[in-house]
N, C-alpha and C. Protein backbone atom coordinates (compact mmCIF):
# COMPACT_ATOMS: atom_id res chain seq x y z
N ALA A 1 185.37 64.80 81.10
CA ALA A 1 184.61 64.07 79.94
C ALA A 1 184.27 63.40 79.61
N SER A 2 182.67 62.23 79.58
CA SER A 2 183.18 60.96 79.04
C SER A 2 183.38 60.40 77.44
N SER A 3 183.24 59.59 77.19
CA SER A 3 184.04 59.19 76.18
C SER A 3 182.41 59.51 74.95
N SER A 4 181.93 59.88 75.73
CA SER A 4 180.68 60.35 74.02
C SER A 4 180.33 61.50 74.29
N SER A 5 181.43 62.66 74.54
CA SER A 5 181.60 64.03 74.35
C SER A 5 182.30 64.54 73.88
N PHE A 6 182.48 65.85 73.83
CA PHE A 6 182.90 66.13 72.75
C PHE A 6 183.39 67.83 73.13
N CYS A 7 183.81 68.78 72.37
CA CYS A 7 183.97 70.04 72.60
C CYS A 7 183.90 70.51 70.88
N ILE A 8 183.23 72.04 71.22
CA ILE A 8 183.72 72.79 70.29
C ILE A 8 183.86 74.21 70.25
N ALA A 9 183.94 75.06 70.24
CA ALA A 9 184.29 76.58 70.18
C ALA A 9 183.34 77.52 69.44
N ALA A 10 182.63 78.33 70.04
CA ALA A 10 181.72 79.13 69.57
C ALA A 10 182.35 80.91 69.41
N ALA A 11 182.70 81.07 68.30
CA ALA A 11 183.08 82.98 68.04
C ALA A 11 181.68 83.57 68.34
N LEU A 12 181.55 84.95 69.61
CA LEU A 12 180.29 85.60 69.24
C LEU A 12 180.85 86.89 69.54
N GLY A 13 180.06 88.01 69.31
CA GLY A 13 180.62 89.32 69.53
C GLY A 13 180.28 89.46 70.92
N LEU A 14 181.04 90.80 70.85
CA LEU A 14 181.53 90.76 73.10
C LEU A 14 180.32 90.90 73.55
N ASP A 15 179.04 91.28 72.94
CA ASP A 15 177.49 91.41 73.94
C ASP A 15 177.08 90.30 74.08
N ASP A 16 177.35 89.23 72.97
CA ASP A 16 176.20 88.09 72.22
C ASP A 16 176.37 87.18 73.62
N MET A 17 175.05 86.66 73.54
CA MET A 17 175.44 85.42 74.26
C MET A 17 174.97 84.02 73.63
N VAL A 18 175.37 82.97 73.83
CA VAL A 18 175.13 81.32 73.08
C VAL A 18 174.24 81.40 73.14
N ASP A 19 172.85 81.07 71.98
CA ASP A 19 171.50 80.37 72.25
C ASP A 19 171.78 79.01 72.47
N PRO A 20 171.11 78.24 73.23
CA PRO A 20 171.61 76.47 73.65
C PRO A 20 170.94 76.20 72.31
N SER A 21 169.54 76.62 71.93
CA SER A 21 168.62 75.68 71.56
C SER A 21 169.46 76.28 69.89
N ARG A 22 169.67 76.70 69.84
CA ARG A 22 169.79 77.01 68.32
C ARG A 22 171.43 76.64 67.86
N LEU A 23 172.26 76.30 69.02
CA LEU A 23 173.42 75.55 68.97
C LEU A 23 173.13 74.18 68.82
N ARG A 24 172.34 74.14 69.65
CA ARG A 24 171.96 72.47 69.82
C ARG A 24 171.91 72.08 67.90
N SER A 25 170.99 73.12 67.69
CA SER A 25 170.07 72.07 66.19
C SER A 25 171.49 72.27 65.13
N LEU A 26 172.60 73.55 65.12
CA LEU A 26 173.53 73.48 64.30
C LEU A 26 174.63 71.74 64.74
N LEU A 27 174.64 72.06 66.00
CA LEU A 27 175.43 71.06 66.47
C LEU A 27 174.40 68.92 66.39
N GLU A 28 173.11 69.15 65.98
CA GLU A 28 172.93 68.06 64.88
C GLU A 28 173.30 67.59 63.79
N LYS A 29 172.47 68.93 63.47
CA LYS A 29 173.16 68.85 61.24
C LYS A 29 174.58 68.73 61.72
N TYR A 30 175.28 69.60 62.41
CA TYR A 30 177.14 69.24 62.08
C TYR A 30 177.82 67.41 62.54
N LYS A 31 176.93 67.10 63.09
CA LYS A 31 177.32 65.51 63.97
C LYS A 31 176.18 65.00 62.92
N GLY A 32 175.49 65.40 61.58
CA GLY A 32 175.26 64.63 60.69
C GLY A 32 174.05 63.54 61.00
N ASP A 33 173.62 63.49 62.24
CA ASP A 33 172.26 61.92 62.35
C ASP A 33 171.44 63.22 63.28
N GLU A 34 170.61 64.19 62.74
CA GLU A 34 169.89 64.87 63.63
C GLU A 34 168.71 64.13 64.71
N GLN A 35 168.07 62.78 64.10
CA GLN A 35 167.17 62.32 64.76
C GLN A 35 167.94 61.38 65.88
N ASN A 36 169.15 60.93 65.77
CA ASN A 36 169.48 60.24 66.92
C ASN A 36 170.07 61.25 68.00
N ALA A 37 170.72 62.89 67.92
CA ALA A 37 171.26 63.51 68.02
C ALA A 37 170.02 63.92 69.25
N GLN A 38 168.78 64.28 68.56
CA GLN A 38 167.53 64.72 69.77
C GLN A 38 167.43 63.46 70.79
N SER A 39 167.07 61.88 69.57
CA SER A 39 166.93 60.94 70.93
C SER A 39 168.26 60.42 72.02
N ASP A 40 168.90 60.83 71.74
CA ASP A 40 170.51 60.51 72.65
C ASP A 40 170.21 61.98 73.84
N GLY A 41 169.33 63.01 73.53
CA GLY A 41 169.44 64.04 74.10
C GLY A 41 170.45 64.76 74.55
N LEU A 42 170.69 65.04 73.58
CA LEU A 42 172.64 66.03 73.22
C LEU A 42 172.32 67.36 74.24
N LYS A 43 172.56 67.09 75.55
CA LYS A 43 172.93 68.06 76.10
C LYS A 43 174.35 69.54 76.15
N LEU A 44 174.51 70.20 76.15
CA LEU A 44 174.88 71.43 76.20
C LEU A 44 175.27 71.90 77.46
N SER A 45 177.14 72.11 77.32
CA SER A 45 177.41 72.96 79.10
C SER A 45 178.52 73.69 78.63
N LEU A 46 178.76 74.59 79.56
CA LEU A 46 180.19 75.42 79.21
C LEU A 46 181.35 74.54 79.73
N ALA A 47 182.20 74.92 79.70
CA ALA A 47 183.24 73.75 79.53
C ALA A 47 183.84 74.64 81.10
N PRO A 48 184.54 74.18 81.97
CA PRO A 48 184.79 74.77 83.54
C PRO A 48 186.05 75.61 82.73
N GLN A 49 186.79 76.38 83.90
CA GLN A 49 187.39 77.61 83.39
C GLN A 49 188.87 76.85 83.35
N PRO A 50 189.23 75.69 84.24
CA PRO A 50 190.59 74.91 83.95
C PRO A 50 190.66 74.23 82.56
N MET A 51 188.86 73.13 82.69
CA MET A 51 189.49 72.71 81.10
C MET A 51 189.57 73.56 79.68
N ALA A 52 188.66 74.79 79.79
CA ALA A 52 188.55 75.68 78.38
C ALA A 52 189.67 76.41 78.35
N GLU A 53 190.83 76.77 79.34
CA GLU A 53 192.28 76.97 79.44
C GLU A 53 193.12 76.06 78.80
N LYS A 54 192.53 74.37 79.48
CA LYS A 54 193.40 73.29 79.36
C LYS A 54 193.38 73.27 77.25
N LEU A 55 192.40 73.33 76.66
CA LEU A 55 191.69 72.74 75.41
C LEU A 55 192.57 73.99 74.73
N THR A 56 192.23 75.33 75.17
CA THR A 56 192.40 76.05 73.53
C THR A 56 193.80 76.92 74.57
N GLY A 57 194.87 76.41 75.42
CA GLY A 57 196.01 77.11 75.51
C GLY A 57 196.36 78.81 76.23
N PHE A 58 194.80 78.92 76.13
CA PHE A 58 194.87 80.43 76.18
C PHE A 58 194.05 80.65 77.70
N GLN A 59 194.28 81.75 78.41
CA GLN A 59 194.09 81.67 79.86
C GLN A 59 192.56 82.73 79.37
N SER A 60 191.54 82.41 80.74
CA SER A 60 190.11 82.50 80.24
C SER A 60 190.09 84.60 80.00
N GLY A 61 189.21 84.75 79.66
CA GLY A 61 189.05 85.97 79.46
C GLY A 61 189.73 86.67 78.42
N CYS A 62 190.24 85.95 77.30
CA CYS A 62 191.24 86.50 76.22
C CYS A 62 191.79 85.00 75.28
N ILE A 63 190.34 84.59 75.43
CA ILE A 63 190.21 83.01 74.49
C ILE A 63 190.29 83.08 73.17
N PRO A 64 190.85 83.32 71.84
CA PRO A 64 190.81 83.36 70.85
C PRO A 64 189.82 82.37 69.97
N PRO A 65 189.15 82.78 69.07
CA PRO A 65 188.38 81.52 68.32
C PRO A 65 189.41 80.90 67.56
N ILE A 66 190.49 80.78 67.61
CA ILE A 66 191.41 79.97 66.40
C ILE A 66 192.15 79.51 67.25
N CYS A 67 193.46 78.90 66.80
CA CYS A 67 194.55 78.40 67.43
C CYS A 67 194.69 77.91 68.76
N HIS A 68 194.21 76.81 68.85
CA HIS A 68 193.83 76.28 69.87
C HIS A 68 194.44 75.20 70.14
N THR A 69 194.73 74.44 71.26
CA THR A 69 195.62 73.34 71.89
C THR A 69 194.92 72.20 70.90
N THR A 70 193.54 72.10 71.77
CA THR A 70 192.85 70.78 70.74
C THR A 70 192.29 71.60 69.56
N GLU A 71 192.75 70.59 68.74
CA GLU A 71 191.34 70.69 67.40
C GLU A 71 189.45 70.15 67.57
N MET A 72 189.19 71.70 67.46
CA MET A 72 187.64 71.53 67.95
C MET A 72 186.91 71.96 66.91
N PRO A 73 185.58 71.90 66.54
CA PRO A 73 185.00 72.93 65.80
C PRO A 73 184.53 73.62 66.29
N LEU A 74 184.85 74.58 65.28
CA LEU A 74 184.08 76.44 65.19
C LEU A 74 183.11 76.71 64.58
N PHE A 75 181.63 77.25 65.88
CA PHE A 75 180.68 77.55 65.11
C PHE A 75 181.01 79.30 65.73
N VAL A 76 181.01 79.76 64.38
CA VAL A 76 180.77 81.35 63.92
C VAL A 76 179.72 81.73 63.78
N ASP A 77 179.20 82.92 65.08
CA ASP A 77 178.09 84.12 65.24
C ASP A 77 177.92 84.64 63.55
N SER A 78 176.65 84.66 62.83
CA SER A 78 176.82 85.42 61.56
C SER A 78 177.27 86.92 61.73
N SER A 79 176.96 87.53 62.99
CA SER A 79 177.44 89.04 63.54
C SER A 79 178.60 88.78 63.25
N VAL A 80 179.51 88.28 63.82
CA VAL A 80 181.18 88.45 63.95
C VAL A 80 181.23 88.59 62.18
N ILE A 81 180.89 87.53 61.37
CA ILE A 81 181.46 87.02 59.86
C ILE A 81 180.96 89.12 59.62
N LYS A 82 179.71 89.66 59.75
CA LYS A 82 178.66 90.38 59.19
C LYS A 82 180.23 91.99 59.50
N ARG A 83 180.81 91.48 61.17
CA ARG A 83 181.45 92.95 61.44
C ARG A 83 183.30 92.53 61.21
N ARG A 84 183.86 91.46 60.35
CA ARG A 84 184.63 91.44 60.38
C ARG A 84 185.46 92.18 60.03
N ASP A 85 185.40 93.67 59.51
CA ASP A 85 186.48 94.43 59.63
C ASP A 85 186.39 95.62 60.64
N GLN A 86 186.15 94.77 62.18
CA GLN A 86 185.91 95.67 63.15
C GLN A 86 186.71 94.55 64.05
N LEU A 87 187.05 93.48 63.74
CA LEU A 87 187.96 92.82 64.72
C LEU A 87 189.25 92.95 65.37
N SER A 88 189.46 92.78 66.12
CA SER A 88 190.61 93.38 67.04
C SER A 88 191.61 92.45 67.42
N SER A 89 192.74 92.41 68.22
CA SER A 89 194.01 91.19 68.63
C SER A 89 193.12 91.30 69.95
N ASN A 90 194.15 90.71 70.94
CA ASN A 90 194.10 90.52 72.34
C ASN A 90 195.63 90.76 72.49
N GLY A 91 196.40 91.20 71.71
CA GLY A 91 197.50 91.24 72.12
C GLY A 91 198.13 92.67 72.31
N ASP A 92 199.00 92.95 72.69
CA ASP A 92 199.45 94.45 73.30
C ASP A 92 198.77 95.68 72.88
N GLU A 93 198.84 95.34 71.63
CA GLU A 93 198.20 96.82 70.92
C GLU A 93 196.44 96.88 71.01
N SER A 94 196.14 97.75 71.34
CA SER A 94 194.74 98.05 71.90
C SER A 94 194.23 98.33 70.51
N ASP A 95 195.01 98.77 69.16
CA ASP A 95 194.63 99.44 67.85
C ASP A 95 194.26 98.91 66.61
N ALA A 96 194.98 97.34 66.83
CA ALA A 96 195.33 96.13 66.04
C ALA A 96 194.35 95.76 65.61
N LYS A 97 194.05 95.44 64.03
CA LYS A 97 193.46 95.23 64.09
C LYS A 97 193.28 93.92 62.61
N ALA A 98 192.54 92.64 62.72
CA ALA A 98 192.75 91.61 62.10
C ALA A 98 191.57 91.82 60.65
N SER A 99 191.69 91.28 59.91
CA SER A 99 191.25 91.00 58.34
C SER A 99 190.65 89.57 58.50
N ILE A 100 189.77 89.80 57.99
CA ILE A 100 189.00 88.07 57.50
C ILE A 100 188.84 87.78 56.18
N GLY A 101 188.54 87.48 55.39
CA GLY A 101 188.20 86.74 53.56
C GLY A 101 188.97 88.16 52.51
């Protein structure tokens, strides 16, 4: 990764995919300089599996949105917040639930 690159985490529902244009817009607001972010040609890409595992400290396929090895901004889709009572863990207990808020 170049010195101008940075990593973020996104939390989505299991059946959802990242909307690159929406995430780009959120990143521009997060970075606080919408015009510069646009003029610099902000590019988004998924981290390759080995990089994602190194950054998070978790194996691909069971990466939670929090408690990563590397601190990074987390963008949570509103659908996840709306379903907070349905969140479950990646642990051994298939019926384990987490509570938010």
